[in-house]
Amino acid sequence: MNKKTLDHLLIALTVLFDLCFVATAIVVAYWVRFESGWTPEVLALHKGGTPPLDDYFRLIPLMAIIWLMTLKAFKLYRPESNASVSAFWTLCKATGIALIATLAALFFIFHHDAYSRWVMLLASGFSLVWLFLGRLVLYRFRQTIHAQGVGVSRIALIGYDARAEQFIDTLKVKPNSGYEWVGIITETADADASDISHLGESRDILQLVEKHRLDTLFISSPTVSNEIILEVLHACEGVPVQINLLPELSEFIKGGTAITFFDGIPVLQLRETPIQGAHSIIKRLIDIVFSLFALIVLSPLMLTIAIAIRLTSPGKAIFRQERVGRAGKPFNIYKFRSMRADAEKRVGHVWAKTDDPRQTPLGKFLRRWSLDELPQFFNVLKGDMSLVGPRPEMSGLIDTFSESIPHYLARQRVKSGMTGWAQVNGLRGNTSLEERISYDRYYIENWSLGLDIKIILKTLWAIKKG
């Protein structure tokens, strides 16, 4: 059994286990709520007699579909990553989405029937625990049979350079990953690779594949010439060996990199315009609805703050400053003035500090609770900004930062935001710009609606804590 066959088998078992766990969770949750006597009546949302179990049996197909679709959307059917802490956190998020989707489906499909929300909540909790335990068991099983040499892919590397060395080191630190390192294939034994098994030369590739029972070959480009790559491909046409290329420009090749075709010509897509098409429309609709709602609800508070600013210090209540947004386009950002009216006359464009002497007493309070940012909902409504995205920078600092910070301008590929991935990870104000850029790039390259929601919730929690 090869590695791919084993992976497919484990995925099928995972799906089967998930179906069984979700179905069992409904039955157990029903028993806990209505038959066990463990649920205090004061907490019961369902009034009246005990509903028949058959009513809940008919929910099993619906919940199974919702759960499977949600788990697949969260990429939880990958055997190699289903037992980690991050996988458990992802499973928690998937559980929340599945619960919300189930309650919504009950409202629209079975609105004439009364289903206990306690049963739905308990079933989700049981499913979360059992689904993770099932994945943990399968992961341990996978490691055990890999240790026995079953389902292991034997790997060799053609060519040797710094990237090849890094690749080999990565394989060695994961002994039960399902890959077995065999050796390198080069024209001559490399002195720098004296501690690595040298299998032979590329011209004997077919014999080497058969002799060492190789399942996968990795070719290090450009160490290996195109002529040799073509020879290897031609020689291995008749054997079931997978051939992969370790390309140049690897730092620019991320998870979203894809092979596209331009009139039959293969093209390696190194970068795609993020958040476009339907995603762009959905994100913009959320921005409009949320910002409009926030402005309506918060208008009394914003009016009170504006009056307080005018009464406590001379100058306008709203501070306008030029910032740079998507594609380098400048716009005026709106904030409640938290500093003296002449704060920028002497120092120009500089970042504010935690205990900046230019702050007014009221401004210090506003900045602590992020209330000075509320007028930016107007920027979001206008389309200058989004609710979530990299924070916009002052126009006077862009040239300096773009020359000194690698990949700084990458943050201008999307709209600026009121809050961002860097900010909810503690990188606000006068903090390491390099780290902030790293977090901004992560957001851009891994954007999803779920990530936006996560950032908004973490922002609200951070504001609550002050």
Protein backbone atom coordinates (compact mmCIF):
# COMPACT_ATOMS: atom_id res chain seq x y z
CA MET A 1 0.00 0.00 0.00
CA ASN A 2 1.47 3.37 -1.02
CA LYS A 3 1.13 6.66 0.85
CA LYS A 4 -1.63 8.11 -1.33
CA THR A 5 -3.77 4.98 -0.98
CA LEU A 6 -3.32 5.04 2.79
CA ASP A 7 -4.23 8.75 2.94
CA HIS A 8 -7.41 8.18 0.94
CA LEU A 9 -8.32 5.23 3.17
CA LEU A 10 -7.82 7.30 6.33
CA ILE A 11 -9.88 10.17 4.90
CA ALA A 12 -12.71 7.73 4.12
CA LEU A 13 -12.49 6.36 7.69
CA THR A 14 -12.51 9.90 9.07
CA VAL A 15 -15.69 10.72 7.14
CA LEU A 16 -17.31 7.47 8.32
CA PHE A 17 -16.34 8.17 11.94
CA ASP A 18 -17.67 11.73 11.65
CA LEU A 19 -21.05 10.51 10.42
CA CYS A 20 -21.29 7.99 13.26
CA PHE A 21 -20.20 10.53 15.87
CA VAL A 22 -22.67 13.21 14.73
CA ALA A 23 -25.55 10.73 14.66
CA THR A 24 -24.62 9.31 18.06
CA ALA A 25 -24.22 12.80 19.51
CA ILE A 26 -27.84 13.65 18.69
CA VAL A 27 -29.12 10.51 20.42
CA VAL A 28 -26.90 10.98 23.49
CA ALA A 29 -27.81 14.69 23.71
CA TYR A 30 -31.51 13.75 23.57
CA TRP A 31 -31.00 11.24 26.40
CA VAL A 32 -29.06 13.72 28.54
CA ARG A 33 -31.70 16.42 28.06
CA PHE A 34 -34.92 14.40 28.40
CA GLU A 35 -34.19 11.00 29.95
CA SER A 36 -31.20 11.29 32.29
CA GLY A 37 -32.62 13.84 34.70
CA TRP A 38 -29.28 15.67 34.69
CA THR A 39 -30.63 18.87 33.13
CA PRO A 40 -32.26 21.20 35.71
CA GLU A 41 -35.75 22.20 34.68
CA VAL A 42 -34.97 25.83 35.44
CA LEU A 43 -32.51 25.78 32.52
CA ALA A 44 -34.90 24.06 30.15
CA LEU A 45 -35.95 26.13 27.17
CA HIS A 46 -38.35 23.43 25.96
CA LYS A 47 -41.66 23.41 27.80
CA GLY A 48 -44.22 20.63 27.75
CA GLY A 49 -43.90 16.87 27.43
CA THR A 50 -40.96 14.87 26.20
CA PRO A 51 -40.83 14.94 22.37
CA PRO A 52 -40.50 11.60 20.58
CA LEU A 53 -36.96 10.46 19.70
CA ASP A 54 -38.10 9.84 16.11
CA ASP A 55 -38.36 13.62 15.62
CA TYR A 56 -34.64 13.88 16.28
CA PHE A 57 -33.77 10.85 14.16
CA ARG A 58 -34.99 12.69 11.09
CA LEU A 59 -32.51 15.49 11.82
CA ILE A 60 -29.54 13.15 11.42
CA PRO A 61 -29.27 13.39 7.59
CA LEU A 62 -29.56 17.19 7.71
CA MET A 63 -26.94 17.56 10.45
CA ALA A 64 -24.64 15.06 8.75
CA ILE A 65 -24.68 17.08 5.53
CA ILE A 66 -24.10 20.36 7.39
CA TRP A 67 -21.23 18.92 9.42
CA LEU A 68 -19.49 17.26 6.47
CA MET A 69 -19.72 20.42 4.36
CA THR A 70 -18.44 22.56 7.23
CA LEU A 71 -15.54 20.23 8.05
CA LYS A 72 -14.56 20.09 4.39
CA ALA A 73 -14.74 23.89 4.12
CA PHE A 74 -12.36 24.17 7.10
CA LYS A 75 -9.98 21.66 5.43
CA LEU A 76 -10.30 19.14 8.25
CA TYR A 77 -10.03 16.12 6.01
CA ARG A 78 -6.24 16.18 5.80
CA PRO A 79 -4.74 13.20 7.68
CA GLU A 80 -1.37 14.84 8.27
CA SER A 81 -2.76 17.78 10.29
CA ASN A 82 -5.84 16.50 12.09
CA ALA A 83 -4.38 15.94 15.58
CA SER A 84 -2.59 19.20 16.31
CA VAL A 85 -3.60 22.02 18.66
CA SER A 86 -4.31 24.27 15.67
CA ALA A 87 -6.51 21.53 14.21
CA PHE A 88 -8.51 21.39 17.46
CA TRP A 89 -8.96 25.18 17.36
CA THR A 90 -10.10 24.92 13.74
CA LEU A 91 -12.49 22.13 14.76
CA CYS A 92 -13.91 24.43 17.47
CA LYS A 93 -14.61 27.10 14.85
CA ALA A 94 -16.16 24.52 12.53
CA THR A 95 -18.37 23.33 15.40
CA GLY A 96 -19.63 26.85 15.98
CA ILE A 97 -20.43 27.34 12.31
CA ALA A 98 -22.15 23.94 12.10
CA LEU A 99 -24.27 24.76 15.16
CA ILE A 100 -25.35 28.11 13.73
CA ALA A 101 -26.10 26.51 10.35
CA THR A 102 -28.13 23.75 12.05
CA LEU A 103 -30.21 26.22 14.06
CA ALA A 104 -30.81 28.28 10.92
CA ALA A 105 -31.88 25.16 9.01
CA LEU A 106 -34.29 24.20 11.81
CA PHE A 107 -35.81 27.67 11.68
CA PHE A 108 -36.37 27.68 7.92
CA ILE A 109 -37.05 23.96 7.24
CA PHE A 110 -38.66 22.67 10.44
CA HIS A 111 -40.16 25.92 11.73
CA HIS A 112 -43.46 24.19 12.54
CA ASP A 113 -41.71 21.81 14.96
CA ALA A 114 -40.20 22.67 18.33
CA TYR A 115 -36.69 21.29 18.75
CA SER A 116 -34.74 21.68 21.96
CA ARG A 117 -31.83 24.08 21.60
CA TRP A 118 -30.21 22.30 24.54
CA VAL A 119 -30.13 19.11 22.49
CA MET A 120 -28.51 20.96 19.59
CA LEU A 121 -25.94 22.57 21.91
CA LEU A 122 -25.12 19.31 23.69
CA ALA A 123 -24.91 17.44 20.39
CA SER A 124 -22.42 20.00 19.08
CA GLY A 125 -20.31 19.66 22.24
CA PHE A 126 -20.27 15.87 22.07
CA SER A 127 -19.47 15.99 18.35
CA LEU A 128 -16.54 18.36 18.93
CA VAL A 129 -14.94 16.06 21.51
CA TRP A 130 -15.59 12.82 19.65
CA LEU A 131 -14.53 14.15 16.26
CA PHE A 132 -11.21 15.29 17.67
CA LEU A 133 -10.65 12.03 19.56
CA GLY A 134 -11.46 10.08 16.40
CA ARG A 135 -8.90 12.10 14.46
CA LEU A 136 -6.35 11.59 17.24
CA VAL A 137 -6.87 7.82 17.14
CA LEU A 138 -6.51 7.71 13.34
CA TYR A 139 -3.41 9.91 13.53
CA ARG A 140 -1.79 7.55 16.06
CA PHE A 141 -2.79 4.60 13.89
CA ARG A 142 -1.20 6.31 10.89
CA GLN A 143 2.03 6.88 12.80
CA THR A 144 2.10 3.26 13.98
CA ILE A 145 1.75 1.72 10.55
CA HIS A 146 4.21 4.22 9.09
CA ALA A 147 6.72 3.01 11.70
CA GLN A 148 6.14 -0.50 10.30
CA GLY A 149 6.98 0.73 6.79
CA VAL A 150 3.39 0.55 5.51
CA GLY A 151 2.10 3.44 3.42
CA VAL A 152 5.52 5.09 3.34
CA SER A 153 6.75 6.95 0.26
CA ARG A 154 10.48 6.44 -0.41
CA ILE A 155 12.08 9.69 -1.57
CA ALA A 156 15.25 10.61 -3.45
CA LEU A 157 16.54 14.02 -4.49
CA ILE A 158 18.12 14.79 -7.86
CA GLY A 159 20.65 17.61 -7.47
CA TYR A 160 22.00 19.23 -4.32
CA ASP A 161 22.10 22.84 -3.11
CA ALA A 162 21.08 24.92 -0.08
CA ARG A 163 17.34 24.43 -0.73
CA ALA A 164 17.88 20.70 -1.14
CA GLU A 165 19.70 20.60 2.19
CA GLN A 166 16.81 22.44 3.86
CA PHE A 167 14.37 19.98 2.28
CA ILE A 168 16.33 17.00 3.59
CA ASP A 169 16.52 18.48 7.10
CA THR A 170 12.74 18.97 7.07
CA LEU A 171 12.21 15.31 6.20
CA LYS A 172 14.57 14.14 8.94
CA VAL A 173 12.77 16.02 11.74
CA LYS A 174 9.51 14.27 10.82
CA PRO A 175 10.34 10.56 11.04
CA ASN A 176 6.70 9.38 11.01
CA SER A 177 5.41 11.76 8.34
CA GLY A 178 4.92 8.98 5.79
CA TYR A 179 8.11 9.79 3.89
CA GLU A 180 11.35 7.81 4.02
CA TRP A 181 14.50 9.60 2.93
CA VAL A 182 16.72 7.39 0.74
CA GLY A 183 19.46 9.58 -0.75
CA ILE A 184 20.56 11.97 -3.48
CA ILE A 185 21.23 11.45 -7.18
CA THR A 186 23.95 13.67 -8.64
CA GLU A 187 26.52 13.47 -11.41
CA THR A 188 29.31 13.38 -8.82
CA ALA A 189 29.39 12.79 -5.08
CA ASP A 190 29.11 16.27 -3.52
CA ALA A 191 31.74 17.02 -0.87
CA ASP A 192 29.22 19.17 1.00
CA ALA A 193 26.85 16.19 1.14
CA SER A 194 29.37 13.63 2.39
CA ASP A 195 27.06 12.55 5.21
CA ILE A 196 24.19 11.89 2.79
CA SER A 197 23.78 8.65 0.88
CA HIS A 198 24.77 9.08 -2.77
CA LEU A 199 22.69 6.67 -4.88
CA GLY A 200 24.22 7.27 -8.28
CA GLU A 201 23.94 9.43 -11.39
CA SER A 202 20.83 10.72 -13.15
CA ARG A 203 21.65 8.85 -16.37
CA ASP A 204 20.97 5.62 -14.48
CA ILE A 205 17.70 6.92 -13.03
CA LEU A 206 15.53 4.00 -14.16
CA GLN A 207 17.84 1.43 -12.58
CA LEU A 208 18.07 3.52 -9.39
CA VAL A 209 14.30 3.80 -9.12
CA GLU A 210 13.92 0.03 -9.41
CA LYS A 211 16.90 -0.84 -7.18
CA HIS A 212 15.92 1.44 -4.30
CA ARG A 213 12.14 1.06 -4.80
CA LEU A 214 11.69 4.84 -5.08
CA ASP A 215 8.16 6.24 -5.02
CA THR A 216 8.90 9.96 -5.33
CA LEU A 217 11.66 12.03 -6.91
CA PHE A 218 12.36 15.68 -6.15
CA ILE A 219 14.43 17.65 -8.65
CA SER A 220 16.31 20.71 -7.38
CA SER A 221 16.19 23.45 -10.03
CA PRO A 222 18.34 25.15 -11.34
CA THR A 223 21.06 22.81 -10.03
CA VAL A 224 19.76 20.26 -12.50
CA SER A 225 19.72 21.38 -16.13
CA ASN A 226 16.59 21.26 -18.29
CA GLU A 227 18.23 18.58 -20.45
CA ILE A 228 18.66 16.27 -17.45
CA ILE A 229 15.10 16.96 -16.26
CA LEU A 230 13.77 15.96 -19.68
CA GLU A 231 15.92 12.81 -19.64
CA VAL A 232 14.58 11.84 -16.21
CA LEU A 233 10.96 12.42 -17.28
CA HIS A 234 11.47 10.36 -20.44
CA ALA A 235 13.26 7.52 -18.65
CA CYS A 236 10.58 7.24 -15.96
CA GLU A 237 7.58 7.28 -18.28
CA GLY A 238 6.96 3.58 -17.79
CA VAL A 239 7.32 3.39 -14.00
CA PRO A 240 4.86 4.59 -11.31
CA VAL A 241 7.11 7.20 -9.73
CA GLN A 242 5.98 10.70 -8.80
CA ILE A 243 8.29 13.51 -9.97
CA ASN A 244 8.32 16.94 -8.31
CA LEU A 245 10.33 20.11 -8.91
CA LEU A 246 11.84 22.34 -6.22
CA PRO A 247 11.67 25.67 -8.09
CA GLU A 248 13.61 28.88 -7.90
CA LEU A 249 11.95 31.98 -6.40
CA SER A 250 10.59 29.76 -3.64
CA GLU A 251 10.13 32.76 -1.29
CA PHE A 252 7.51 34.15 -3.69
CA ILE A 253 5.66 30.86 -4.10
CA LYS A 254 2.94 30.56 -1.47
CA GLY A 255 -0.05 28.32 -0.85
CA GLY A 256 -2.15 30.11 -3.46
CA THR A 257 0.38 29.57 -6.25
CA ALA A 258 -1.16 27.70 -9.17
CA ILE A 259 -0.43 26.46 -12.66
CA THR A 260 -2.61 28.18 -15.25
CA PHE A 261 -2.71 27.86 -19.03
CA PHE A 262 -2.51 30.69 -21.53
CA ASP A 263 -3.73 29.30 -24.84
CA GLY A 264 -2.20 25.92 -24.01
CA ILE A 265 1.05 27.36 -22.61
CA PRO A 266 1.60 26.45 -18.91
CA VAL A 267 2.18 29.47 -16.68
CA LEU A 268 3.24 29.45 -13.01
CA GLN A 269 1.09 32.01 -11.23
CA LEU A 270 3.29 33.52 -8.51
CA ARG A 271 0.77 36.05 -7.21
CA GLU A 272 -2.92 36.70 -7.66
CA THR A 273 -4.89 39.85 -6.92
CA PRO A 274 -6.40 39.12 -3.50
CA ILE A 275 -10.05 39.49 -2.49
CA GLN A 276 -11.60 39.84 -5.92
CA GLY A 277 -14.77 38.72 -7.67
CA ALA A 278 -17.56 37.41 -5.46
CA HIS A 279 -15.34 37.66 -2.38
CA SER A 280 -14.84 41.36 -3.03
CA ILE A 281 -18.58 41.93 -3.40
CA ILE A 282 -19.41 40.05 -0.17
CA LYS A 283 -16.72 41.90 1.78
CA ARG A 284 -17.96 45.26 0.48
CA LEU A 285 -21.58 44.44 1.34
CA ILE A 286 -20.54 43.51 4.88
CA ASP A 287 -18.60 46.78 5.14
CA ILE A 288 -21.62 48.84 4.05
CA VAL A 289 -24.16 47.07 6.27
CA PHE A 290 -21.95 46.96 9.36
CA SER A 291 -20.64 50.54 9.07
CA LEU A 292 -24.12 51.95 8.43
CA PHE A 293 -25.51 50.03 11.38
CA ALA A 294 -22.61 51.18 13.60
CA LEU A 295 -23.06 54.83 12.62
CA ILE A 296 -26.79 54.70 13.42
CA VAL A 297 -26.37 52.91 16.75
CA LEU A 298 -23.32 54.88 17.86
CA SER A 299 -24.48 58.31 16.66
CA PRO A 300 -25.54 59.51 20.16
CA LEU A 301 -22.15 58.48 21.57
CA MET A 302 -20.26 60.07 18.66
CA LEU A 303 -22.23 63.32 19.04
CA THR A 304 -21.45 63.36 22.78
CA ILE A 305 -17.73 62.81 22.11
CA ALA A 306 -17.65 65.58 19.50
CA ILE A 307 -19.28 68.06 21.89
CA ALA A 308 -16.91 67.04 24.71
CA ILE A 309 -13.85 67.60 22.48
CA ARG A 310 -15.03 71.10 21.49
CA LEU A 311 -15.71 71.99 25.13
CA THR A 312 -12.42 70.70 26.57
CA SER A 313 -9.87 71.92 24.02
CA PRO A 314 -9.69 74.46 21.17
CA GLY A 315 -9.92 73.15 17.61
CA LYS A 316 -12.17 70.96 15.48
CA ALA A 317 -13.68 67.76 16.84
CA ILE A 318 -12.84 65.71 13.73
CA PHE A 319 -9.20 65.30 12.75
CA ARG A 320 -8.46 64.67 9.07
CA GLN A 321 -5.14 63.29 7.87
CA GLU A 322 -3.94 62.00 4.50
CA ARG A 323 -3.29 58.26 4.50
CA VAL A 324 -2.42 55.82 1.73
CA GLY A 325 -4.74 52.93 0.92
CA ARG A 326 -5.18 50.27 -1.73
CA ALA A 327 -2.91 50.59 -4.80
CA GLY A 328 -1.20 53.61 -3.20
CA LYS A 329 -4.30 55.76 -3.49
CA PRO A 330 -4.35 58.63 -0.94
CA PHE A 331 -7.48 59.46 1.07
CA ASN A 332 -8.41 61.50 4.13
CA ILE A 333 -8.93 59.43 7.25
CA TYR A 334 -11.34 60.68 9.91
CA LYS A 335 -10.67 60.44 13.64
CA PHE A 336 -11.85 62.21 16.74
CA ARG A 337 -9.12 64.67 17.63
CA SER A 338 -7.19 63.30 20.59
CA MET A 339 -4.26 65.74 20.50
CA ARG A 340 -3.75 69.47 20.53
CA ALA A 341 -4.82 71.22 17.33
CA ASP A 342 -1.18 72.14 16.54
CA ALA A 343 0.25 68.69 17.33
CA GLU A 344 1.83 68.15 13.89
CA LYS A 345 3.15 71.64 13.22
CA ARG A 346 6.52 71.11 14.90
CA VAL A 347 7.17 67.37 14.49
CA GLY A 348 5.41 66.59 11.20
CA HIS A 349 4.35 63.00 10.41
CA VAL A 350 5.38 60.82 13.34
CA TRP A 351 3.74 57.93 15.16
CA ALA A 352 1.94 58.73 18.39
CA LYS A 353 3.39 57.28 21.59
CA THR A 354 1.54 55.66 24.49
CA ASP A 355 2.11 58.67 26.78
CA ASP A 356 2.42 61.25 24.03
CA PRO A 357 2.61 64.73 25.62
CA ARG A 358 0.59 66.12 22.70
CA GLN A 359 -2.53 64.22 23.87
CA THR A 360 -5.35 66.05 25.57
CA PRO A 361 -6.75 64.53 28.80
CA LEU A 362 -9.93 63.52 26.96
CA GLY A 363 -7.89 62.32 24.00
CA LYS A 364 -5.93 59.95 26.23
CA PHE A 365 -9.20 58.37 27.35
CA LEU A 366 -10.50 58.13 23.79
CA ARG A 367 -7.32 56.45 22.54
CA ARG A 368 -7.28 53.92 25.37
CA TRP A 369 -10.75 52.66 24.43
CA SER A 370 -10.25 53.20 20.65
CA LEU A 371 -13.16 55.65 20.63
CA ASP A 372 -11.11 58.09 18.53
CA GLU A 373 -11.42 55.58 15.64
CA LEU A 374 -15.23 55.67 15.45
CA PRO A 375 -15.43 58.28 12.63
CA GLN A 376 -13.58 55.82 10.40
CA PHE A 377 -16.91 54.08 9.90
CA PHE A 378 -17.55 56.98 7.48
CA ASN A 379 -14.36 55.97 5.60
CA VAL A 380 -15.63 52.40 5.45
CA LEU A 381 -19.06 53.50 4.22
CA LYS A 382 -17.44 55.69 1.53
CA GLY A 383 -15.25 52.81 0.37
CA ASP A 384 -11.89 54.35 1.32
CA MET A 385 -11.37 51.61 3.90
CA SER A 386 -12.70 48.23 4.96
CA LEU A 387 -13.62 47.00 8.42
CA VAL A 388 -10.64 44.63 8.34
CA GLY A 389 -7.32 45.11 6.61
CA PRO A 390 -3.82 46.50 7.14
CA ARG A 391 -3.87 49.81 8.96
CA PRO A 392 -3.37 52.79 6.57
CA GLU A 393 -0.05 54.59 6.84
CA MET A 394 0.63 58.33 6.77
CA SER A 395 1.57 59.42 3.25
CA GLY A 396 4.76 61.13 4.45
CA LEU A 397 6.21 57.84 5.72
CA ILE A 398 5.51 55.54 2.76
CA ASP A 399 8.71 56.23 0.77
CA THR A 400 10.94 55.76 3.82
CA PHE A 401 9.32 52.49 4.88
CA SER A 402 9.15 51.03 1.36
CA GLU A 403 12.91 51.48 0.97
CA SER A 404 13.89 50.07 4.36
CA ILE A 405 11.28 47.34 5.00
CA PRO A 406 11.15 44.32 2.63
CA HIS A 407 7.71 43.67 1.10
CA TYR A 408 6.30 46.80 2.74
CA LEU A 409 4.22 47.79 -0.29
CA ALA A 410 2.53 44.35 -0.33
CA ARG A 411 0.08 45.72 2.25
CA GLN A 412 -1.31 48.10 -0.40
CA ARG A 413 -2.71 45.20 -2.42
CA VAL A 414 -5.95 45.37 -0.38
CA LYS A 415 -8.02 48.09 1.22
CA SER A 416 -6.82 49.48 4.52
CA GLY A 417 -8.86 48.50 7.56
CA MET A 418 -10.10 49.86 10.86
CA THR A 419 -8.51 46.82 12.48
CA GLY A 420 -6.23 44.09 11.22
CA TRP A 421 -4.49 40.79 11.91
CA ALA A 422 -1.40 42.61 13.20
CA GLN A 423 -3.42 44.74 15.61
CA VAL A 424 -5.32 41.84 17.22
CA ASN A 425 -1.97 40.12 17.76
CA GLY A 426 -0.69 42.98 19.88
CA LEU A 427 1.09 45.00 17.17
CA ARG A 428 -0.59 48.37 17.59
CA GLY A 429 0.92 51.84 17.49
CA ASN A 430 4.68 52.19 17.93
CA THR A 431 5.62 48.50 17.53
CA SER A 432 7.93 46.53 15.23
CA LEU A 433 7.06 47.47 11.67
CA GLU A 434 8.70 44.32 10.28
CA GLU A 435 6.43 42.12 12.40
CA ARG A 436 3.38 44.12 11.42
CA ILE A 437 4.21 43.68 7.73
CA SER A 438 4.61 39.94 8.29
CA TYR A 439 1.15 39.74 9.86
CA ASP A 440 -0.35 41.95 7.14
CA ARG A 441 1.09 39.67 4.43
CA TYR A 442 -0.33 36.63 6.21
CA TYR A 443 -3.77 38.25 6.21
CA ILE A 444 -3.58 39.12 2.51
CA GLU A 445 -2.39 35.66 1.46
CA ASN A 446 -4.81 33.75 3.71
CA TRP A 447 -7.89 35.98 3.58
CA SER A 448 -11.27 34.43 4.23
CA LEU A 449 -14.59 35.65 5.54
CA GLY A 450 -13.99 33.54 8.64
CA LEU A 451 -10.65 35.28 9.26
CA ASP A 452 -12.37 38.69 9.02
CA ILE A 453 -15.00 37.62 11.56
CA LYS A 454 -12.29 36.27 13.86
CA ILE A 455 -10.39 39.59 13.70
CA ILE A 456 -13.55 41.61 14.41
CA LEU A 457 -14.40 39.45 17.45
CA LYS A 458 -10.83 39.64 18.78
CA THR A 459 -10.91 43.42 18.30
CA LEU A 460 -14.13 43.76 20.30
CA TRP A 461 -12.64 41.57 23.04
CA ALA A 462 -9.47 43.67 23.13
CA ILE A 463 -11.52 46.89 23.41
CA LYS A 464 -13.56 45.34 26.23
CA LYS A 465 -10.35 44.56 28.14
CA GLY A 466 -9.08 48.09 27.49
